[in-house]
């Protein structure tokens, strides 16, 4: 594995930990006895905002990498083209996983509202 792939995996894992933290916060927030307090409402709004922010950032970063690798694909020789094709596939898979994961989390959180 190259250093770039290890960095990507670390970033994806950090995002997953943050998302899991937001899910935990959202589950704690929706306790019956605390439903209408200001702290609960603010924390719920914060969790929703962070998930929307992560969705935008994840798609933007993956889209930027995709555009960069497609541009590099046109200017590189054959050996680098194979590597860039693999990077394009990895970027597309990451984009799909981020989008699907965050959409699934959003659907799960919608049951608690």
Protein backbone atom coordinates (compact mmCIF):
# COMPACT_ATOMS: atom_id res chain seq x y z
CA UNK A 1 0.00 0.00 0.00
CA UNK A 2 1.24 3.43 -0.81
CA UNK A 3 1.36 6.31 1.62
CA UNK A 4 -1.51 8.04 -0.20
CA UNK A 5 -3.77 5.03 0.25
CA UNK A 6 -2.84 4.77 3.92
CA UNK A 7 -3.64 8.47 4.36
CA UNK A 8 -7.00 7.99 2.63
CA UNK A 9 -7.84 5.02 4.82
CA UNK A 10 -6.93 7.02 7.94
CA UNK A 11 -9.13 9.92 6.79
CA UNK A 12 -12.04 7.59 6.05
CA UNK A 13 -11.64 5.94 9.46
CA UNK A 14 -11.58 9.33 11.19
CA UNK A 15 -14.77 10.31 9.36
CA UNK A 16 -16.38 7.02 10.38
CA UNK A 17 -15.44 7.60 14.04
CA UNK A 18 -16.91 11.11 13.93
CA UNK A 19 -20.10 9.83 12.33
CA UNK A 20 -20.42 7.08 14.94
CA UNK A 21 -19.91 9.72 17.64
CA UNK A 22 -22.70 11.78 16.12
CA UNK A 23 -24.97 8.74 16.07
CA UNK A 24 -24.21 8.10 19.75
CA UNK A 25 -24.88 11.73 20.62
CA UNK A 26 -28.10 11.66 18.65
CA UNK A 27 -29.29 8.52 20.46
CA UNK A 28 -28.49 10.01 23.86
CA UNK A 29 -30.17 13.25 22.86
CA UNK A 30 -33.45 11.54 22.12
CA UNK A 31 -34.04 10.27 25.64
CA UNK A 32 -37.71 10.60 26.64
CA UNK A 33 -37.27 12.72 29.75
CA UNK A 34 -34.94 15.24 28.12
CA UNK A 35 -36.77 15.62 24.81
CA UNK A 36 -37.72 19.29 25.10
CA UNK A 37 -34.70 20.80 26.85
CA UNK A 38 -32.57 23.44 25.17
CA UNK A 39 -29.45 21.25 25.46
CA UNK A 40 -31.14 18.37 23.68
CA UNK A 41 -32.49 20.54 20.89
CA UNK A 42 -29.13 22.23 20.38
CA UNK A 43 -27.23 18.94 20.36
CA UNK A 44 -29.69 17.44 17.88
CA UNK A 45 -29.30 20.45 15.60
CA UNK A 46 -25.51 20.21 15.94
CA UNK A 47 -25.54 16.51 14.98
CA UNK A 48 -27.70 17.24 11.93
CA UNK A 49 -25.45 20.12 10.87
CA UNK A 50 -22.27 18.05 11.25
CA UNK A 51 -23.70 15.20 9.17
CA UNK A 52 -24.74 17.61 6.41
CA UNK A 53 -21.32 19.27 6.56
CA UNK A 54 -19.53 15.92 6.32
CA UNK A 55 -21.67 15.00 3.33
CA UNK A 56 -20.67 18.16 1.51
CA UNK A 57 -17.00 17.87 2.41
CA UNK A 58 -16.77 14.18 1.49
CA UNK A 59 -18.34 14.67 -1.91
CA UNK A 60 -16.29 17.80 -2.61
CA UNK A 61 -12.97 16.17 -1.71
CA UNK A 62 -13.69 13.01 -3.69
CA UNK A 63 -14.89 15.08 -6.64
CA UNK A 64 -11.71 17.14 -6.53
CA UNK A 65 -9.53 14.05 -6.47
CA UNK A 66 -11.52 12.56 -9.35
CA UNK A 67 -11.09 15.66 -11.51
CA UNK A 68 -7.37 15.81 -10.65
CA UNK A 69 -6.74 12.18 -11.55
CA UNK A 70 -8.69 12.46 -14.81
CA UNK A 71 -6.61 15.51 -15.72
CA UNK A 72 -3.39 13.66 -14.84
CA UNK A 73 -4.55 10.69 -16.89
CA UNK A 74 -4.28 12.78 -20.06
CA UNK A 75 -0.75 14.01 -19.36
CA UNK A 76 1.02 10.91 -18.01
CA UNK A 77 2.83 8.01 -19.63
CA UNK A 78 1.57 4.41 -19.63
CA UNK A 79 2.93 3.38 -16.22
CA UNK A 80 1.44 6.36 -14.48
CA UNK A 81 -1.85 5.91 -16.35
CA UNK A 82 -2.39 2.52 -14.73
CA UNK A 83 -1.74 4.03 -11.32
CA UNK A 84 -4.09 6.94 -12.06
CA UNK A 85 -6.80 4.54 -13.25
CA UNK A 86 -6.52 2.72 -9.92
CA UNK A 87 -6.68 6.06 -8.08
CA UNK A 88 -9.81 7.00 -10.06
CA UNK A 89 -11.47 3.70 -9.12
CA UNK A 90 -10.52 4.19 -5.47
CA UNK A 91 -11.86 7.74 -5.49
CA UNK A 92 -15.17 6.69 -7.04
CA UNK A 93 -15.57 3.85 -4.55
CA UNK A 94 -14.80 6.23 -1.69
CA UNK A 95 -17.36 8.72 -2.98
CA UNK A 96 -20.02 6.05 -3.23
CA UNK A 97 -19.24 4.69 0.25
CA UNK A 98 -19.25 8.13 1.88
CA UNK A 99 -22.51 9.10 0.20
CA UNK A 100 -24.18 5.79 0.98
CA UNK A 101 -22.97 5.73 4.58
CA UNK A 102 -24.09 9.25 5.33
CA UNK A 103 -27.43 8.71 3.60
CA UNK A 104 -27.96 5.57 5.68
CA UNK A 105 -27.09 7.44 8.87
CA UNK A 106 -29.48 10.23 7.90
CA UNK A 107 -32.25 7.68 7.35
CA UNK A 108 -31.55 6.04 10.71
CA UNK A 109 -31.55 9.42 12.46
CA UNK A 110 -34.84 10.35 10.81
CA UNK A 111 -36.54 7.55 12.77
CA UNK A 112 -35.63 9.31 16.00
CA UNK A 113 -37.21 12.61 15.00
